[in-house]
Protein backbone atom coordinates (compact mmCIF):
# COMPACT_ATOMS: atom_id res chain seq x y z
CA MET A 1 98.19 119.24 114.93
CA ASN A 2 94.79 120.90 115.02
CA GLY A 3 93.21 121.10 111.58
CA LYS A 4 92.57 124.82 111.76
CA GLU A 5 96.20 125.43 112.61
CA LEU A 6 97.23 123.34 109.62
CA LEU A 7 94.94 125.35 107.37
CA GLN A 8 96.46 128.59 108.61
CA LYS A 9 99.93 127.29 107.86
CA LEU A 10 98.89 126.19 104.39
CA GLU A 11 97.43 129.61 103.69
CA SER A 12 100.64 131.36 104.78
CA PRO A 13 103.69 131.79 102.50
CA SER A 14 105.94 129.76 104.85
CA PRO A 15 105.54 126.25 103.38
CA GLY A 16 106.02 127.48 99.81
CA ALA A 17 109.48 125.96 99.43
CA LEU A 18 108.20 122.55 100.55
CA PHE A 19 105.45 122.54 97.93
CA GLU A 20 107.87 123.68 95.24
CA ARG A 21 109.95 120.58 96.03
CA LEU A 22 106.82 118.48 95.62
CA TYR A 23 105.16 120.07 92.61
CA GLY A 24 107.56 122.61 91.10
CA ALA A 25 107.32 126.39 91.14
CA ASP A 26 104.33 126.41 88.77
CA GLY A 27 102.44 123.76 90.74
CA ALA A 28 103.14 124.78 94.34
CA ALA A 29 100.06 127.00 94.78
CA ALA A 30 97.73 124.34 93.38
CA GLY A 31 99.37 121.74 95.63
CA LYS A 32 98.69 123.81 98.73
CA LYS A 33 95.06 124.30 97.69
CA ARG A 34 94.71 120.55 97.17
CA TYR A 35 95.79 119.80 100.73
CA ALA A 36 93.63 122.64 102.04
CA ALA A 37 90.58 121.13 100.33
CA LEU A 38 91.29 117.74 101.91
CA LEU A 39 91.65 119.39 105.31
CA GLU A 40 88.45 121.37 104.95
CA THR A 41 86.54 118.16 104.23
CA PHE A 42 87.86 116.76 107.51
CA LEU A 43 86.89 119.85 109.47
CA ASP A 44 83.44 120.03 107.90
CA GLY A 45 82.77 116.43 108.82
CA GLY A 46 82.30 115.44 105.20
CA VAL A 47 84.75 112.56 105.43
CA PHE A 48 82.65 111.01 108.22
CA PRO A 49 79.18 110.66 106.72
CA TYR A 50 78.23 107.74 108.94
CA ALA A 51 77.76 107.51 112.68
CA SER A 52 80.12 104.51 112.68
CA PHE A 53 83.06 106.86 112.10
CA PRO A 54 83.04 109.28 115.03
CA GLU A 55 86.24 111.33 115.36
CA SER A 56 87.64 114.12 117.44
CA ALA A 57 86.92 117.58 116.07
CA GLY A 58 89.81 117.86 113.65
CA ASP A 59 92.58 117.19 116.17
CA SER A 60 95.78 115.24 115.53
CA LEU A 61 95.65 115.68 111.77
CA ARG A 62 98.76 115.07 109.68
CA LEU A 63 99.63 115.50 106.01
CA PHE A 64 101.25 112.83 103.83
CA THR A 65 102.42 112.35 100.26
CA ALA A 66 103.41 109.29 98.24
CA ALA A 67 104.83 109.72 94.75
CA GLY A 68 104.02 107.89 91.57
CA ARG A 69 107.00 106.63 89.61
CA THR A 70 108.35 106.42 86.10
CA GLU A 71 110.71 103.74 84.76
CA LEU A 72 113.75 105.34 83.14
CA GLY A 73 115.77 102.24 82.26
CA GLY A 74 116.00 98.54 82.92
CA ASN A 75 112.95 97.37 80.99
CA HIS A 76 112.02 93.87 82.22
CA THR A 77 115.27 93.26 84.09
CA ASP A 78 114.14 93.29 87.73
CA HIS A 79 112.42 89.88 87.63
CA ASN A 80 115.75 88.30 86.63
CA ARG A 81 117.62 90.05 89.47
CA GLY A 82 118.90 92.80 87.20
CA ARG A 83 119.43 96.54 87.44
CA VAL A 84 116.77 99.20 86.93
CA LEU A 85 116.60 102.98 86.89
CA ALA A 86 113.39 104.64 88.02
CA ALA A 87 112.26 107.93 89.55
CA SER A 88 109.64 109.48 91.82
CA ILE A 89 107.39 111.96 90.03
CA HIS A 90 105.26 114.94 90.99
CA LEU A 91 102.01 113.03 90.38
CA ASP A 92 101.17 111.63 93.79
CA GLN A 93 98.81 110.49 96.50
CA ALA A 94 98.10 113.49 98.76
CA ALA A 95 96.47 112.62 102.08
CA VAL A 96 95.24 114.00 105.37
CA ALA A 97 95.12 111.38 108.10
CA ALA A 98 94.07 111.12 111.74
CA PRO A 99 94.76 108.25 114.17
CA ARG A 100 91.83 106.43 115.74
CA ALA A 101 91.49 104.77 119.12
CA ASP A 102 89.87 101.64 117.65
CA SER A 103 91.06 99.08 115.09
CA ARG A 104 89.20 100.38 112.03
CA ILE A 105 90.86 101.99 109.02
CA PHE A 106 88.72 104.22 106.83
CA PHE A 107 90.19 105.29 103.47
CA ARG A 108 88.56 107.74 101.11
CA SER A 109 90.19 108.71 97.81
CA SER A 110 88.54 111.12 95.40
CA GLY A 111 86.71 109.29 92.64
CA TYR A 112 86.92 105.83 94.23
CA PRO A 113 84.62 103.86 96.56
CA ASP A 114 85.32 104.19 100.28
CA VAL A 115 87.33 101.41 101.87
CA THR A 116 86.85 100.17 105.44
CA VAL A 117 89.07 97.58 107.08
CA ASP A 118 88.80 96.36 110.65
CA LEU A 119 92.11 94.93 111.85
CA ALA A 120 90.34 93.12 114.71
CA GLY A 121 88.46 89.85 114.42
CA ALA A 122 85.13 88.87 115.87
CA ARG A 123 86.54 88.64 119.42
CA GLY A 124 88.44 91.90 119.23
CA ARG A 125 91.83 90.28 118.69
CA PRO A 126 94.09 91.27 115.78
CA ASP A 127 93.04 89.56 112.56
CA LEU A 128 95.83 90.14 110.06
CA ALA A 129 95.73 86.92 108.05
CA PRO A 130 95.08 87.18 104.31
CA ARG A 131 91.41 87.03 103.36
CA GLU A 132 90.31 85.48 100.09
CA SER A 133 87.38 87.91 99.97
CA GLU A 134 89.80 90.87 99.97
CA ARG A 135 92.19 89.65 97.26
CA GLY A 136 92.64 92.21 94.51
CA THR A 137 91.32 95.08 96.67
CA THR A 138 92.74 98.07 98.50
CA GLY A 139 91.58 96.47 101.74
CA ALA A 140 93.99 93.59 101.12
CA LEU A 141 96.90 96.05 100.88
CA ILE A 142 95.90 97.73 104.15
CA ARG A 143 95.66 94.45 106.04
CA GLY A 144 98.89 93.16 104.51
CA ILE A 145 100.91 96.22 105.46
CA ALA A 146 99.48 96.17 108.98
CA ALA A 147 100.60 92.54 109.19
CA GLU A 148 104.12 93.58 108.19
CA PHE A 149 104.28 96.00 111.12
CA ALA A 150 102.86 93.34 113.47
CA ALA A 151 105.60 90.95 112.33
CA ARG A 152 108.09 93.56 113.53
CA GLY A 153 106.44 93.77 116.94
CA ILE A 154 104.63 97.04 116.23
CA THR A 155 100.95 97.35 117.13
CA VAL A 156 98.96 99.21 114.48
CA ARG A 157 95.60 100.69 115.37
CA GLY A 158 93.04 102.37 113.18
CA PHE A 159 93.20 105.67 111.33
CA THR A 160 91.12 107.70 108.91
CA VAL A 161 92.46 109.00 105.60
CA ASN A 162 91.08 111.54 103.16
CA ALA A 163 93.17 111.33 100.00
CA ASP A 164 93.39 112.53 96.44
CA SER A 165 95.46 110.93 93.67
CA THR A 166 96.88 112.52 90.54
CA VAL A 167 98.71 109.28 89.58
CA LEU A 168 96.95 108.28 86.38
CA PRO A 169 95.56 104.72 86.71
CA GLY A 170 96.59 102.32 83.95
CA SER A 171 99.39 104.63 82.78
CA GLY A 172 102.35 102.62 84.07
CA LEU A 173 103.04 105.23 86.76
CA SER A 174 102.38 102.80 89.63
CA SER A 175 99.24 104.12 91.25
CA SER A 176 98.95 100.92 93.30
CA ALA A 177 102.53 101.14 94.64
CA ALA A 178 101.92 104.78 95.60
CA VAL A 179 98.90 103.70 97.69
CA GLU A 180 100.93 100.95 99.34
CA VAL A 181 103.79 103.17 100.45
CA LEU A 182 101.29 105.83 101.56
CA PHE A 183 99.69 103.34 103.97
CA GLY A 184 103.12 102.22 105.12
CA ARG A 185 104.27 105.75 105.85
CA ILE A 186 101.05 106.63 107.70
CA MET A 187 101.28 103.53 109.92
CA ASP A 188 104.97 104.18 110.50
CA SER A 189 104.38 107.81 111.50
CA PHE A 190 101.40 107.11 113.76
CA TYR A 191 102.55 103.95 115.50
CA ASN A 192 106.31 103.57 115.02
CA GLY A 193 107.67 107.07 115.49
CA GLY A 194 108.59 107.36 111.79
CA ARG A 195 111.56 105.02 112.21
CA CYS A 196 111.18 102.93 109.02
CA GLY A 197 113.45 103.76 106.11
CA PHE A 198 112.08 104.04 102.58
CA LEU A 199 113.37 100.60 101.56
CA GLU A 200 111.62 98.90 104.47
CA ILE A 201 108.38 100.70 103.62
CA ALA A 202 108.81 99.54 100.01
CA ARG A 203 109.31 95.92 101.08
CA MET A 204 106.15 96.05 103.18
CA GLY A 205 104.19 97.25 100.16
CA GLN A 206 105.64 94.56 97.93
CA ARG A 207 104.86 91.74 100.39
CA ALA A 208 101.32 93.05 100.87
CA GLU A 209 100.82 93.07 97.10
CA ASN A 210 102.33 89.58 96.71
CA LEU A 211 100.73 87.80 99.64
CA TYR A 212 97.47 89.68 100.27
CA PHE A 213 96.50 91.41 97.01
CA GLY A 214 97.66 88.43 94.95
CA LYS A 215 99.96 90.07 92.40
CA PRO A 216 103.54 88.74 92.05
CA CYS A 217 105.20 92.13 91.57
CA GLY A 218 108.88 92.98 92.07
CA LEU A 219 110.25 95.73 94.31
CA MET A 220 111.07 98.43 91.75
CA ASP A 221 107.76 100.30 91.84
CA GLN A 222 107.49 100.56 95.62
CA THR A 223 111.15 101.57 95.98
CA ALA A 224 110.86 104.38 93.45
CA CYS A 225 107.57 105.62 94.95
CA ALA A 226 108.99 105.63 98.47
CA CYS A 227 112.50 106.96 97.88
CA GLY A 228 112.43 110.25 95.96
CA GLY A 229 114.59 111.42 93.06
CA ALA A 230 116.03 109.03 90.51
CA VAL A 231 117.01 105.67 91.97
CA ALA A 232 119.33 103.05 90.51
CA ILE A 233 118.37 99.69 92.00
CA ASP A 234 120.48 96.55 91.70
CA PHE A 235 118.57 93.37 92.55
CA ALA A 236 121.60 91.05 92.49
CA ASP A 237 120.64 90.22 96.09
CA PRO A 238 116.83 90.56 96.17
CA ALA A 239 116.80 90.48 99.98
CA GLN A 240 119.19 93.44 100.13
CA PRO A 241 118.92 95.40 96.87
CA ARG A 242 121.51 98.13 96.38
CA VAL A 243 119.86 101.53 95.93
CA LEU A 244 121.65 104.66 94.74
CA GLN A 245 119.75 107.94 94.66
CA THR A 246 120.42 111.07 92.64
CA ASP A 247 118.54 114.31 92.02
CA VAL A 248 117.66 115.06 88.40
CA ASP A 249 116.45 118.30 86.83
CA LEU A 250 115.73 117.63 83.17
CA ALA A 251 114.00 120.98 82.68
CA SER A 252 117.24 122.83 83.39
CA ALA A 253 118.82 120.76 80.60
CA GLY A 254 116.06 121.92 78.25
CA TYR A 255 113.94 118.75 78.15
CA ALA A 256 110.44 117.69 79.10
CA LEU A 257 110.00 114.09 80.25
CA CYS A 258 106.69 112.90 78.79
CA VAL A 259 104.56 109.81 78.81
CA VAL A 260 102.13 109.30 75.94
CA ASN A 261 98.97 107.31 76.58
CA THR A 262 98.20 105.31 73.46
CA ARG A 263 94.88 104.26 75.01
CA GLY A 264 95.53 100.60 74.21
CA ASN A 265 93.53 97.74 75.65
CA HIS A 266 95.32 95.90 78.50
CA ALA A 267 92.79 93.06 78.57
CA ASP A 268 94.08 89.51 78.06
CA LEU A 269 97.74 90.56 78.07
CA THR A 270 98.73 88.51 81.11
CA PRO A 271 100.18 85.65 79.00
CA ASP A 272 102.33 88.17 77.09
CA TYR A 273 103.72 89.67 80.30
CA ALA A 274 104.25 86.29 81.95
CA ALA A 275 106.13 84.87 78.97
CA ILE A 276 109.00 87.36 79.32
CA PRO A 277 110.36 86.31 82.76
CA ALA A 278 109.45 82.69 82.01
CA GLU A 279 111.54 82.60 78.83
CA MET A 280 114.46 84.42 80.45
CA LYS A 281 114.48 82.02 83.38
CA ALA A 282 114.17 79.04 81.05
CA VAL A 283 117.34 80.20 79.29
CA ALA A 284 119.06 80.58 82.66
CA ALA A 285 118.04 77.05 83.64
CA LEU A 286 119.84 75.64 80.59
CA PHE A 287 123.08 77.02 82.02
CA GLY A 288 122.51 76.08 85.65
CA GLY A 289 121.06 79.38 86.85
CA GLU A 290 117.78 80.43 88.41
CA THR A 291 117.81 83.81 86.66
CA LEU A 292 119.89 85.33 83.89
CA ARG A 293 121.82 87.34 86.50
CA ASP A 294 123.31 83.99 87.59
CA CYS A 295 124.66 83.33 84.09
CA ASP A 296 127.75 84.41 82.20
CA GLU A 297 126.80 86.41 79.11
CA LYS A 298 129.51 84.90 76.90
CA THR A 299 128.50 81.37 77.88
CA VAL A 300 124.86 82.06 77.04
CA LYS A 301 125.76 83.55 73.67
CA ALA A 302 128.00 80.57 72.90
CA GLY A 303 125.00 78.34 73.61
CA THR A 304 122.72 80.07 71.11
CA ALA A 305 122.19 76.93 69.05
CA GLU A 306 121.06 74.96 72.10
CA ILE A 307 118.68 77.73 73.18
CA ARG A 308 117.18 77.93 69.68
CA ASN A 309 116.70 74.18 69.57
CA LYS A 310 115.12 73.80 73.02
CA LEU A 311 113.36 77.13 73.64
CA GLY A 312 113.05 78.91 70.32
CA ASP A 313 114.50 82.05 68.79
CA ARG A 314 112.54 84.56 70.88
CA ALA A 315 114.12 83.21 74.05
CA VAL A 316 117.56 83.94 72.55
CA LEU A 317 116.59 87.50 71.74
CA ARG A 318 115.07 88.15 75.16
CA ALA A 319 118.20 86.85 76.87
CA LEU A 320 120.31 89.21 74.72
CA HIS A 321 118.04 92.08 75.74
CA PHE A 322 118.52 91.28 79.41
CA PHE A 323 122.31 91.39 79.26
CA GLY A 324 122.38 94.63 77.26
CA GLU A 325 119.66 96.37 79.27
CA ASN A 326 121.15 95.30 82.59
CA GLN A 327 124.42 97.09 81.78
CA ARG A 328 122.60 99.99 80.15
CA ALA A 329 120.65 100.77 83.35
CA ALA A 330 123.96 101.25 85.18
CA ASP A 331 125.33 103.37 82.32
CA MET A 332 122.21 105.56 82.36
CA HIS A 333 122.63 106.21 86.07
CA ALA A 334 126.28 107.15 85.52
CA ALA A 335 125.23 109.57 82.75
CA LEU A 336 122.73 111.25 85.10
CA GLU A 337 125.42 111.61 87.76
CA THR A 338 127.66 113.25 85.15
CA LEU A 339 124.81 115.54 84.13
CA LYS A 340 124.23 116.53 87.75
CA ALA A 341 127.92 117.40 88.23
CA ALA A 342 128.33 119.24 84.90
CA GLN A 343 129.39 122.86 85.33
CA SER A 344 129.35 124.29 81.81
CA PRO A 345 126.59 124.32 79.17
CA SER A 346 128.74 122.25 76.82
CA SER A 347 129.51 119.56 79.40
CA ARG A 348 125.84 119.50 80.40
CA GLN A 349 124.75 118.99 76.79
CA GLU A 350 127.39 116.31 76.28
CA ALA A 351 126.15 114.38 79.33
CA MET A 352 122.53 114.81 78.27
CA THR A 353 123.28 113.58 74.77
CA ARG A 354 125.02 110.52 76.20
CA TYR A 355 121.99 109.81 78.38
CA LEU A 356 119.53 110.27 75.49
CA ASN A 357 121.53 107.89 73.31
CA LEU A 358 121.20 105.26 76.03
CA VAL A 359 117.45 105.88 76.25
CA ASN A 360 117.14 105.30 72.52
CA GLU A 361 119.23 102.14 72.79
CA SER A 362 116.89 100.90 75.51
CA GLY A 363 113.90 101.60 73.29
CA ASP A 364 115.49 99.83 70.31
CA SER A 365 116.34 96.78 72.42
CA SER A 366 112.80 96.50 73.80
CA TRP A 367 111.37 96.75 70.29
CA GLU A 368 113.81 94.47 68.46
CA LEU A 369 114.91 91.93 71.11
CA LEU A 370 112.49 91.92 74.02
CA GLN A 371 109.50 92.30 71.66
CA ASN A 372 107.07 93.87 74.12
CA ILE A 373 105.81 96.58 71.79
CA TYR A 374 102.62 94.82 70.72
CA SER A 375 100.87 91.55 71.40
CA THR A 376 101.08 88.86 68.75
CA GLN A 377 97.55 87.91 69.81
CA ASN A 378 96.17 91.16 68.34
CA VAL A 379 98.41 92.52 65.61
CA ARG A 380 95.81 95.08 64.51
CA GLU A 381 96.46 97.01 67.73
CA GLN A 382 100.01 98.39 67.78
CA GLY A 383 99.56 101.76 69.47
CA ILE A 384 102.95 101.74 71.19
CA ALA A 385 104.73 101.07 67.89
CA VAL A 386 102.77 103.89 66.24
CA ALA A 387 103.62 106.31 69.07
CA LEU A 388 107.31 105.42 68.92
CA ALA A 389 107.40 105.77 65.13
CA LEU A 390 105.64 109.14 65.21
CA THR A 391 107.91 110.37 68.01
CA ARG A 392 111.04 109.32 66.13
CA ASP A 393 109.85 111.18 63.05
CA PHE A 394 108.92 114.24 65.11
CA LEU A 395 112.35 114.38 66.74
CA ARG A 396 114.06 113.88 63.37
CA PHE A 397 112.18 116.64 61.53
CA GLU A 398 110.92 119.07 64.19
CA ALA A 399 113.64 119.24 66.87
CA SER A 400 116.97 121.03 66.46
CA VAL A 401 118.59 119.07 69.31
CA PRO A 402 118.53 115.33 70.08
CA GLY A 403 115.57 113.67 71.81
CA ALA A 404 114.69 110.11 72.75
CA CYS A 405 111.81 107.67 73.21
CA ARG A 406 111.22 104.16 74.54
CA VAL A 407 108.44 101.87 75.69
CA HIS A 408 107.36 102.64 79.25
CA GLY A 409 106.81 99.84 81.74
CA GLY A 410 105.53 96.38 80.91
CA GLY A 411 104.69 97.14 77.29
CA PHE A 412 102.33 95.49 74.77
CA ALA A 413 99.81 98.32 75.34
CA GLY A 414 99.70 101.54 77.34
CA THR A 415 102.33 104.25 77.31
CA ILE A 416 105.63 105.30 75.79
CA GLN A 417 108.18 107.64 77.33
CA ALA A 418 109.69 110.55 75.40
CA TYR A 419 112.32 113.20 76.10
CA ILE A 420 111.18 116.23 74.12
CA PRO A 421 113.10 119.53 73.80
CA VAL A 422 111.07 122.15 75.67
CA SER A 423 111.19 124.44 72.63
CA VAL A 424 108.95 122.06 70.61
CA LEU A 425 106.87 120.54 73.42
CA GLU A 426 103.58 122.15 72.37
CA ASN A 427 104.05 121.00 68.78
CA TYR A 428 104.64 117.47 70.10
CA ARG A 429 101.42 117.64 72.13
CA THR A 430 99.52 118.60 69.03
CA ALA A 431 101.02 115.75 67.01
CA MET A 432 100.29 113.11 69.66
CA ASP A 433 96.79 114.42 70.40
CA SER A 434 96.03 114.16 66.70
CA ALA A 435 96.93 110.46 66.74
CA PHE A 436 95.71 109.35 70.18
CA GLY A 437 93.17 111.93 71.29
CA PRO A 438 93.23 115.07 73.45
CA GLY A 439 95.32 114.92 76.62
CA SER A 440 97.43 111.98 75.51
CA VAL A 441 100.70 113.65 76.62
CA THR A 442 101.54 114.05 80.31
CA VAL A 443 104.69 115.95 81.28
CA LEU A 444 106.41 114.48 84.34
CA ARG A 445 108.63 116.21 86.84
CA ILE A 446 111.12 114.08 88.78
CA ARG A 447 110.85 115.16 92.38
CA PRO A 448 113.21 114.62 95.33
CA VAL A 449 110.42 113.54 97.72
CA GLY A 450 109.03 110.01 97.76
CA ALA A 451 106.67 108.91 100.56
CA GLU A 452 106.84 111.27 103.53
CA GLU A 453 104.88 112.98 106.24
CA LEU A 454 104.85 116.70 105.47
CA ALA A 455 106.14 118.94 108.22
CA LEU A 456 104.80 122.47 107.71
């Protein structure tokens, strides 16, 4: 569509319902303005500052979104083929994109260096092999996702993107996965008629991150960013994970879903993260399995003495966490389904209380069994433990209804997740800001839209 026509549509009341689905009633107007600003940059030529990026005069522009995600349950279960519960959130990658006739991809995102990738080699033929010089960069993700389409017999040409991200980097909200599924959805819309489902787009992002970017991630982040709503994912068969989606409105139940940034240092934590799947899989190997999902829980517990002798006590505890958390992720999804179907205030509160109890159990298990609350390499820095302790005290003394908290994501440093009654949310902000600095609390809204092209 012509850019001026898109601007006119954005400035009219007609797409208001769409933007409410994306950003909520209080964020819809700002969301429209955000896309309008990206469009205006296109039309003014500001996104093409160099002669090497000539474009048509604002024709064939399209709008895209790709959500960030929050982990709701299933802490460190996916790498052992377990169950997880995650959700798309209103913080997202917003983008305006235009197809190009050549093989170059130009990506601009507010606050980040421009990225240029040419999918053709020196002789003009497709060059989609991994490049060592691109490892760890956005360019690697672009080339890797293009290679995924090529493997499916789909020819991807160039395009230009002007984007803006509200997914906080380093917050455990999967800013990298949001970028991956954004590229996948743009390529799918431009060159494949929009035929790829969200799970296929997610797999493309995961493979690009594994093989091109160089990070051995699982599939949870990309699936949650691409899908929309809350998603229960069962990785019993990693090639064909089972995904169940449900819509969730925590605000209507009287709760704000928050993440608290403890501003911890993530440096040198790779050994801590890597030890968790390694120890779980080492336990599985003692009982003839590749992962703990291959093992019988009772058999593993009966073999506690052998595990302690060969692998140490922490391996026992982490195996116990896996079995409990794996079942808990399924129970949490069932509680959300009950909450969604509840008709009366009492049944809604009962379902919410059940869900919050499971959240607290997840948090306790991560702290006591999984032990990913702080690094033993730096015991002076325990920001996550401090945030959890302060949140527990706040909910005990300040809230008149139950709340919950747990570690968010990989752990050791970074963020916690908290379910705070809306009636005391501002008091909670004040308490957390006092401990961790202004702006430490971010309220998340679970949204039903994952990675999509926006049709105005």
